[in-house]
Amino acid sequence: MTPLSCSQCGARNRVAAVPQGQVPVCARCGAALPWLHDGTDDSLDTDVQAAVPVIVDFWAPWCGPCRVVGPVLEEIARERAGRVRVVKVNVDEHGRHASALGVQGIPTLLLYRQGQLTGRLVGAQPKGVLLSWLDGA
C-alpha cells in the first residue's frame, strides 16, 4: 500500500496499485490523488516506501536539463498512475537527502522499489530511455 496525501482535503490515503488507465481517488473527498508530487527533506524517507516503484527527481528551477526532464516525468506519472510514483525534490530548497545520497549533478533520478534504491540516472534522458530504465532496473 502506498500512502498518498490528498491535495484537496489533506487526508492521508493508503492506496494499492490501480489498473492501467485508472487514477486513485481520495476516500474522504473523491479528488484524484497525485502520483507526482514535491518531496521535502522531511518527507523523502516516507515517500520512497511504496508498493509501486518510486522515481525521485533531484532538480533545480535554474537547471535547463531539469526543465526538459520534468514534463517527461509528469507524462510518465500520468500514464502509469497507480503503477509508479514520481517525487520531485528541489535541491535548492531541500538538499539534505541530495547530499547524503551523493547527488553531484542534476537532474539525478533515483529509482526505489519497496524502499530500496535500485537505480540511478544522471542527466536529461528521453522518455524511451526512462521507461526502459524504469521497467528494467
N, C-alpha and C. Protein backbone atom coordinates (compact mmCIF):
# COMPACT_ATOMS: atom_id res chain seq x y z
N MET A 1 0.84 -1.18 0.00
CA MET A 1 0.00 0.00 0.00
C MET A 1 0.89 1.25 0.00
N THR A 2 0.50 2.22 -0.79
CA THR A 2 1.25 3.45 -0.92
C THR A 2 0.51 4.58 -0.21
N PRO A 3 1.16 5.29 0.73
CA PRO A 3 0.49 6.42 1.37
C PRO A 3 0.55 7.65 0.48
N LEU A 4 -0.61 8.26 0.25
CA LEU A 4 -0.68 9.50 -0.54
C LEU A 4 -1.55 10.49 0.21
N SER A 5 -1.12 11.75 0.24
CA SER A 5 -1.92 12.80 0.85
C SER A 5 -2.73 13.49 -0.23
N CYS A 6 -3.98 13.75 0.07
CA CYS A 6 -4.87 14.44 -0.86
C CYS A 6 -4.52 15.93 -0.88
N SER A 7 -4.34 16.48 -2.07
CA SER A 7 -4.02 17.91 -2.18
C SER A 7 -5.25 18.78 -1.95
N GLN A 8 -6.44 18.20 -1.98
CA GLN A 8 -7.66 18.96 -1.77
C GLN A 8 -8.04 19.07 -0.29
N CYS A 9 -8.10 17.94 0.41
CA CYS A 9 -8.59 17.95 1.79
C CYS A 9 -7.51 17.58 2.81
N GLY A 10 -6.33 17.13 2.35
CA GLY A 10 -5.24 16.80 3.25
C GLY A 10 -5.30 15.41 3.86
N ALA A 11 -6.33 14.64 3.56
CA ALA A 11 -6.47 13.29 4.13
C ALA A 11 -5.35 12.39 3.63
N ARG A 12 -4.86 11.52 4.53
CA ARG A 12 -3.86 10.51 4.15
C ARG A 12 -4.61 9.27 3.68
N ASN A 13 -4.25 8.79 2.50
CA ASN A 13 -4.89 7.61 1.91
C ASN A 13 -3.85 6.53 1.70
N ARG A 14 -4.22 5.29 1.96
CA ARG A 14 -3.36 4.14 1.66
C ARG A 14 -3.91 3.52 0.38
N VAL A 15 -3.09 3.54 -0.67
CA VAL A 15 -3.55 3.17 -2.00
C VAL A 15 -2.78 1.95 -2.50
N ALA A 16 -3.51 0.95 -2.95
CA ALA A 16 -2.91 -0.20 -3.62
C ALA A 16 -2.71 0.16 -5.09
N ALA A 17 -1.94 -0.62 -5.81
CA ALA A 17 -1.77 -0.39 -7.24
C ALA A 17 -3.13 -0.45 -7.92
N VAL A 18 -3.34 0.44 -8.88
CA VAL A 18 -4.62 0.50 -9.58
C VAL A 18 -4.42 0.06 -11.02
N PRO A 19 -5.49 -0.44 -11.67
CA PRO A 19 -5.38 -0.88 -13.06
C PRO A 19 -4.97 0.26 -13.98
N GLN A 20 -4.34 -0.11 -15.09
CA GLN A 20 -3.91 0.87 -16.07
C GLN A 20 -5.09 1.73 -16.52
N GLY A 21 -4.84 3.02 -16.64
CA GLY A 21 -5.86 3.95 -17.10
C GLY A 21 -6.75 4.49 -16.00
N GLN A 22 -6.67 3.93 -14.81
CA GLN A 22 -7.46 4.44 -13.69
C GLN A 22 -6.58 5.28 -12.78
N VAL A 23 -7.19 6.24 -12.12
CA VAL A 23 -6.49 7.11 -11.20
C VAL A 23 -7.12 6.93 -9.82
N PRO A 24 -6.31 6.74 -8.78
CA PRO A 24 -6.88 6.58 -7.44
C PRO A 24 -7.50 7.89 -6.96
N VAL A 25 -8.51 7.78 -6.12
CA VAL A 25 -9.19 8.96 -5.59
C VAL A 25 -9.16 8.93 -4.07
N CYS A 26 -9.29 10.11 -3.49
CA CYS A 26 -9.30 10.27 -2.04
C CYS A 26 -10.56 9.64 -1.46
N ALA A 27 -10.38 8.86 -0.40
CA ALA A 27 -11.52 8.21 0.26
C ALA A 27 -12.43 9.23 0.94
N ARG A 28 -11.89 10.38 1.34
CA ARG A 28 -12.69 11.39 2.04
C ARG A 28 -13.47 12.30 1.08
N CYS A 29 -12.75 12.89 0.09
CA CYS A 29 -13.41 13.91 -0.73
C CYS A 29 -13.60 13.50 -2.20
N GLY A 30 -12.98 12.40 -2.64
CA GLY A 30 -13.16 11.93 -4.00
C GLY A 30 -12.25 12.57 -5.03
N ALA A 31 -11.34 13.46 -4.61
CA ALA A 31 -10.42 14.11 -5.56
C ALA A 31 -9.36 13.10 -6.03
N ALA A 32 -8.87 13.31 -7.25
CA ALA A 32 -7.80 12.46 -7.77
C ALA A 32 -6.55 12.65 -6.91
N LEU A 33 -5.86 11.55 -6.62
CA LEU A 33 -4.65 11.60 -5.80
C LEU A 33 -3.42 11.78 -6.67
N PRO A 34 -2.45 12.56 -6.20
CA PRO A 34 -1.27 12.86 -7.01
C PRO A 34 -0.26 11.72 -7.03
N TRP A 35 0.10 11.29 -8.23
CA TRP A 35 1.18 10.31 -8.35
C TRP A 35 2.49 11.01 -8.66
N LEU A 36 2.41 12.34 -8.76
CA LEU A 36 3.61 13.16 -8.88
C LEU A 36 3.45 14.27 -7.86
N HIS A 37 4.44 14.42 -6.99
CA HIS A 37 4.34 15.50 -6.01
C HIS A 37 5.72 15.96 -5.59
N ASP A 38 5.75 17.09 -4.88
CA ASP A 38 7.00 17.65 -4.40
C ASP A 38 7.42 16.97 -3.12
N GLY A 39 8.65 16.51 -3.08
CA GLY A 39 9.21 15.91 -1.87
C GLY A 39 10.01 16.94 -1.10
N THR A 40 10.20 16.67 0.18
CA THR A 40 10.99 17.55 1.04
C THR A 40 12.01 16.71 1.80
N ASP A 41 12.91 17.40 2.48
CA ASP A 41 13.87 16.69 3.33
C ASP A 41 13.14 15.85 4.37
N ASP A 42 12.02 16.36 4.86
CA ASP A 42 11.28 15.66 5.91
C ASP A 42 10.44 14.50 5.37
N SER A 43 9.99 14.59 4.11
CA SER A 43 9.06 13.58 3.59
C SER A 43 9.71 12.46 2.79
N LEU A 44 10.94 12.65 2.35
CA LEU A 44 11.52 11.71 1.38
C LEU A 44 11.63 10.28 1.90
N ASP A 45 12.02 10.11 3.15
CA ASP A 45 12.13 8.75 3.68
C ASP A 45 10.80 8.01 3.60
N THR A 46 9.71 8.71 3.84
CA THR A 46 8.37 8.11 3.75
C THR A 46 7.93 7.97 2.30
N ASP A 47 8.26 8.97 1.47
CA ASP A 47 7.84 8.97 0.07
C ASP A 47 8.32 7.73 -0.69
N VAL A 48 9.51 7.24 -0.38
CA VAL A 48 10.06 6.11 -1.14
C VAL A 48 9.56 4.76 -0.64
N GLN A 49 8.86 4.74 0.47
CA GLN A 49 8.28 3.50 1.00
C GLN A 49 6.93 3.30 0.32
N ALA A 50 6.91 2.60 -0.78
CA ALA A 50 5.69 2.44 -1.56
C ALA A 50 5.63 1.05 -2.16
N ALA A 51 4.41 0.61 -2.44
CA ALA A 51 4.20 -0.69 -3.06
C ALA A 51 4.53 -0.66 -4.55
N VAL A 52 4.64 0.54 -5.10
CA VAL A 52 4.96 0.71 -6.52
C VAL A 52 6.35 1.34 -6.61
N PRO A 53 7.01 1.23 -7.78
CA PRO A 53 8.30 1.89 -7.95
C PRO A 53 8.17 3.41 -7.76
N VAL A 54 9.20 4.02 -7.19
CA VAL A 54 9.22 5.46 -6.94
C VAL A 54 10.43 6.05 -7.64
N ILE A 55 10.19 7.03 -8.51
CA ILE A 55 11.28 7.79 -9.13
C ILE A 55 11.42 9.09 -8.36
N VAL A 56 12.61 9.35 -7.83
CA VAL A 56 12.89 10.61 -7.16
C VAL A 56 13.73 11.45 -8.11
N ASP A 57 13.21 12.63 -8.45
CA ASP A 57 13.86 13.55 -9.37
C ASP A 57 14.48 14.69 -8.57
N PHE A 58 15.81 14.72 -8.48
CA PHE A 58 16.51 15.83 -7.84
C PHE A 58 16.75 16.88 -8.93
N TRP A 59 16.22 18.08 -8.74
CA TRP A 59 16.22 19.11 -9.77
C TRP A 59 16.38 20.49 -9.13
N ALA A 60 16.51 21.51 -9.99
CA ALA A 60 16.51 22.91 -9.55
C ALA A 60 15.85 23.74 -10.65
N PRO A 61 15.18 24.83 -10.27
CA PRO A 61 14.47 25.65 -11.27
C PRO A 61 15.38 26.28 -12.32
N TRP A 62 16.64 26.54 -11.98
CA TRP A 62 17.56 27.18 -12.91
C TRP A 62 18.23 26.20 -13.86
N CYS A 63 18.00 24.91 -13.69
CA CYS A 63 18.67 23.86 -14.45
C CYS A 63 17.94 23.58 -15.77
N GLY A 64 18.59 23.87 -16.89
CA GLY A 64 17.98 23.65 -18.20
C GLY A 64 17.60 22.20 -18.46
N PRO A 65 18.50 21.24 -18.27
CA PRO A 65 18.13 19.84 -18.48
C PRO A 65 17.00 19.38 -17.56
N CYS A 66 16.92 19.95 -16.36
CA CYS A 66 15.82 19.60 -15.44
C CYS A 66 14.48 20.02 -16.03
N ARG A 67 14.46 21.17 -16.71
CA ARG A 67 13.22 21.65 -17.33
C ARG A 67 12.81 20.79 -18.52
N VAL A 68 13.77 20.08 -19.10
CA VAL A 68 13.47 19.14 -20.19
C VAL A 68 12.89 17.85 -19.62
N VAL A 69 13.49 17.33 -18.56
CA VAL A 69 13.07 16.05 -17.97
C VAL A 69 11.74 16.17 -17.23
N GLY A 70 11.49 17.32 -16.60
CA GLY A 70 10.28 17.50 -15.79
C GLY A 70 8.99 17.11 -16.49
N PRO A 71 8.71 17.67 -17.67
CA PRO A 71 7.46 17.31 -18.36
C PRO A 71 7.39 15.83 -18.76
N VAL A 72 8.53 15.22 -19.06
CA VAL A 72 8.55 13.80 -19.41
C VAL A 72 8.16 12.96 -18.19
N LEU A 73 8.69 13.31 -17.03
CA LEU A 73 8.32 12.59 -15.81
C LEU A 73 6.85 12.79 -15.46
N GLU A 74 6.33 13.99 -15.68
CA GLU A 74 4.91 14.24 -15.44
C GLU A 74 4.06 13.36 -16.35
N GLU A 75 4.47 13.22 -17.60
CA GLU A 75 3.75 12.37 -18.54
C GLU A 75 3.78 10.90 -18.10
N ILE A 76 4.94 10.43 -17.67
CA ILE A 76 5.06 9.06 -17.18
C ILE A 76 4.18 8.86 -15.95
N ALA A 77 4.17 9.83 -15.04
CA ALA A 77 3.34 9.72 -13.83
C ALA A 77 1.87 9.63 -14.18
N ARG A 78 1.43 10.41 -15.18
CA ARG A 78 0.02 10.36 -15.61
C ARG A 78 -0.30 9.03 -16.27
N GLU A 79 0.57 8.61 -17.20
CA GLU A 79 0.32 7.38 -17.95
C GLU A 79 0.35 6.14 -17.07
N ARG A 80 1.16 6.17 -16.03
CA ARG A 80 1.32 4.99 -15.17
C ARG A 80 0.80 5.25 -13.75
N ALA A 81 -0.20 6.11 -13.66
CA ALA A 81 -0.79 6.41 -12.35
C ALA A 81 -1.21 5.11 -11.67
N GLY A 82 -0.78 4.96 -10.43
CA GLY A 82 -1.09 3.76 -9.69
C GLY A 82 -0.07 2.65 -9.86
N ARG A 83 0.85 2.82 -10.83
CA ARG A 83 1.88 1.81 -11.06
C ARG A 83 3.28 2.36 -10.89
N VAL A 84 3.40 3.68 -10.74
CA VAL A 84 4.67 4.33 -10.47
C VAL A 84 4.36 5.65 -9.76
N ARG A 85 5.27 6.08 -8.94
CA ARG A 85 5.12 7.35 -8.23
C ARG A 85 6.35 8.20 -8.54
N VAL A 86 6.16 9.49 -8.78
CA VAL A 86 7.26 10.40 -9.06
C VAL A 86 7.29 11.46 -7.96
N VAL A 87 8.46 11.62 -7.35
CA VAL A 87 8.66 12.61 -6.30
C VAL A 87 9.74 13.56 -6.78
N LYS A 88 9.41 14.85 -6.85
CA LYS A 88 10.36 15.86 -7.31
C LYS A 88 10.91 16.60 -6.10
N VAL A 89 12.25 16.64 -5.99
CA VAL A 89 12.91 17.29 -4.86
C VAL A 89 13.77 18.44 -5.39
N ASN A 90 13.39 19.67 -5.05
CA ASN A 90 14.14 20.86 -5.43
C ASN A 90 15.37 20.93 -4.52
N VAL A 91 16.56 20.74 -5.10
CA VAL A 91 17.78 20.68 -4.29
C VAL A 91 18.14 22.03 -3.69
N ASP A 92 17.66 23.13 -4.25
CA ASP A 92 17.92 24.44 -3.66
C ASP A 92 17.16 24.62 -2.35
N GLU A 93 16.00 24.00 -2.25
CA GLU A 93 15.17 24.13 -1.04
C GLU A 93 15.33 22.95 -0.10
N HIS A 94 15.63 21.78 -0.63
CA HIS A 94 15.69 20.55 0.16
C HIS A 94 16.90 19.73 -0.28
N GLY A 95 18.07 20.14 0.15
CA GLY A 95 19.30 19.50 -0.32
C GLY A 95 19.89 18.44 0.60
N ARG A 96 19.31 18.23 1.77
CA ARG A 96 19.91 17.30 2.73
C ARG A 96 20.04 15.88 2.15
N HIS A 97 18.95 15.35 1.59
CA HIS A 97 19.00 13.99 1.04
C HIS A 97 19.87 13.93 -0.21
N ALA A 98 19.83 14.99 -1.02
CA ALA A 98 20.67 15.00 -2.22
C ALA A 98 22.14 14.84 -1.83
N SER A 99 22.56 15.56 -0.83
CA SER A 99 23.94 15.46 -0.36
C SER A 99 24.22 14.08 0.22
N ALA A 100 23.33 13.58 1.05
CA ALA A 100 23.53 12.28 1.69
C ALA A 100 23.56 11.14 0.67
N LEU A 101 22.83 11.30 -0.43
CA LEU A 101 22.76 10.26 -1.46
C LEU A 101 23.81 10.43 -2.55
N GLY A 102 24.70 11.41 -2.39
CA GLY A 102 25.78 11.60 -3.34
C GLY A 102 25.37 12.22 -4.66
N VAL A 103 24.29 12.99 -4.66
CA VAL A 103 23.85 13.67 -5.88
C VAL A 103 24.82 14.82 -6.13
N GLN A 104 25.55 14.75 -7.26
CA GLN A 104 26.54 15.77 -7.57
C GLN A 104 26.16 16.59 -8.79
N GLY A 105 25.26 16.08 -9.60
CA GLY A 105 24.80 16.78 -10.78
C GLY A 105 23.30 16.61 -10.91
N ILE A 106 22.66 17.57 -11.54
CA ILE A 106 21.21 17.47 -11.73
C ILE A 106 20.89 17.64 -13.21
N PRO A 107 19.81 17.03 -13.65
CA PRO A 107 18.91 16.19 -12.88
C PRO A 107 19.54 14.83 -12.56
N THR A 108 19.28 14.36 -11.36
CA THR A 108 19.60 12.99 -10.97
C THR A 108 18.30 12.30 -10.60
N LEU A 109 18.08 11.15 -11.20
CA LEU A 109 16.88 10.35 -10.92
C LEU A 109 17.30 9.11 -10.16
N LEU A 110 16.63 8.86 -9.04
CA LEU A 110 16.86 7.65 -8.27
C LEU A 110 15.60 6.81 -8.32
N LEU A 111 15.77 5.51 -8.48
CA LEU A 111 14.63 4.59 -8.54
C LEU A 111 14.63 3.73 -7.29
N TYR A 112 13.48 3.73 -6.61
CA TYR A 112 13.30 2.93 -5.41
C TYR A 112 12.22 1.89 -5.65
N ARG A 113 12.48 0.69 -5.15
CA ARG A 113 11.48 -0.38 -5.14
C ARG A 113 11.41 -0.91 -3.71
N GLN A 114 10.20 -0.89 -3.16
CA GLN A 114 9.99 -1.34 -1.77
C GLN A 114 10.94 -0.62 -0.81
N GLY A 115 11.19 0.66 -1.06
CA GLY A 115 12.03 1.46 -0.18
C GLY A 115 13.52 1.30 -0.38
N GLN A 116 13.94 0.45 -1.32
CA GLN A 116 15.36 0.21 -1.57
C GLN A 116 15.79 0.88 -2.87
N LEU A 117 16.92 1.58 -2.83
CA LEU A 117 17.47 2.21 -4.02
C LEU A 117 17.93 1.13 -4.99
N THR A 118 17.37 1.14 -6.22
CA THR A 118 17.72 0.12 -7.21
C THR A 118 18.29 0.68 -8.50
N GLY A 119 18.25 2.00 -8.69
CA GLY A 119 18.76 2.56 -9.92
C GLY A 119 19.05 4.05 -9.80
N ARG A 120 19.93 4.53 -10.67
CA ARG A 120 20.32 5.94 -10.69
C ARG A 120 20.60 6.34 -12.13
N LEU A 121 20.07 7.49 -12.54
CA LEU A 121 20.36 8.08 -13.84
C LEU A 121 20.73 9.54 -13.61
N VAL A 122 21.75 10.00 -14.31
CA VAL A 122 22.16 11.40 -14.19
C VAL A 122 22.06 12.03 -15.57
N GLY A 123 21.45 13.20 -15.63
CA GLY A 123 21.32 13.93 -16.89
C GLY A 123 19.97 13.71 -17.53
N ALA A 124 19.65 14.60 -18.47
CA ALA A 124 18.37 14.52 -19.19
C ALA A 124 18.38 13.30 -20.10
N GLN A 125 17.30 12.54 -20.05
CA GLN A 125 17.17 11.34 -20.86
C GLN A 125 15.82 11.38 -21.58
N PRO A 126 15.74 10.83 -22.80
CA PRO A 126 14.45 10.78 -23.49
C PRO A 126 13.50 9.80 -22.81
N LYS A 127 12.23 9.95 -23.12
CA LYS A 127 11.20 9.14 -22.48
C LYS A 127 11.46 7.64 -22.64
N GLY A 128 11.86 7.20 -23.81
CA GLY A 128 12.11 5.78 -24.05
C GLY A 128 13.18 5.22 -23.13
N VAL A 129 14.23 5.99 -22.92
CA VAL A 129 15.31 5.56 -22.02
C VAL A 129 14.79 5.48 -20.59
N LEU A 130 14.00 6.48 -20.19
CA LEU A 130 13.44 6.48 -18.83
C LEU A 130 12.52 5.28 -18.61
N LEU A 131 11.69 4.97 -19.60
CA LEU A 131 10.78 3.83 -19.45
C LEU A 131 11.55 2.51 -19.40
N SER A 132 12.57 2.37 -20.23
CA SER A 132 13.39 1.15 -20.20
C SER A 132 14.09 1.00 -18.86
N TRP A 133 14.60 2.11 -18.34
CA TRP A 133 15.26 2.12 -17.03
C TRP A 133 14.26 1.73 -15.94
N LEU A 134 13.08 2.31 -16.00
CA LEU A 134 12.05 2.01 -15.00
C LEU A 134 11.63 0.55 -15.06
N ASP A 135 11.45 0.02 -16.26
CA ASP A 135 10.98 -1.35 -16.41
C ASP A 135 12.07 -2.38 -16.17
N GLY A 136 13.33 -1.98 -16.37
CA GLY A 136 14.40 -2.96 -16.27
C GLY A 136 15.25 -2.90 -15.02
N ALA A 137 15.16 -1.81 -14.29
CA ALA A 137 16.03 -1.66 -13.10
C ALA A 137 15.51 -2.45 -11.93
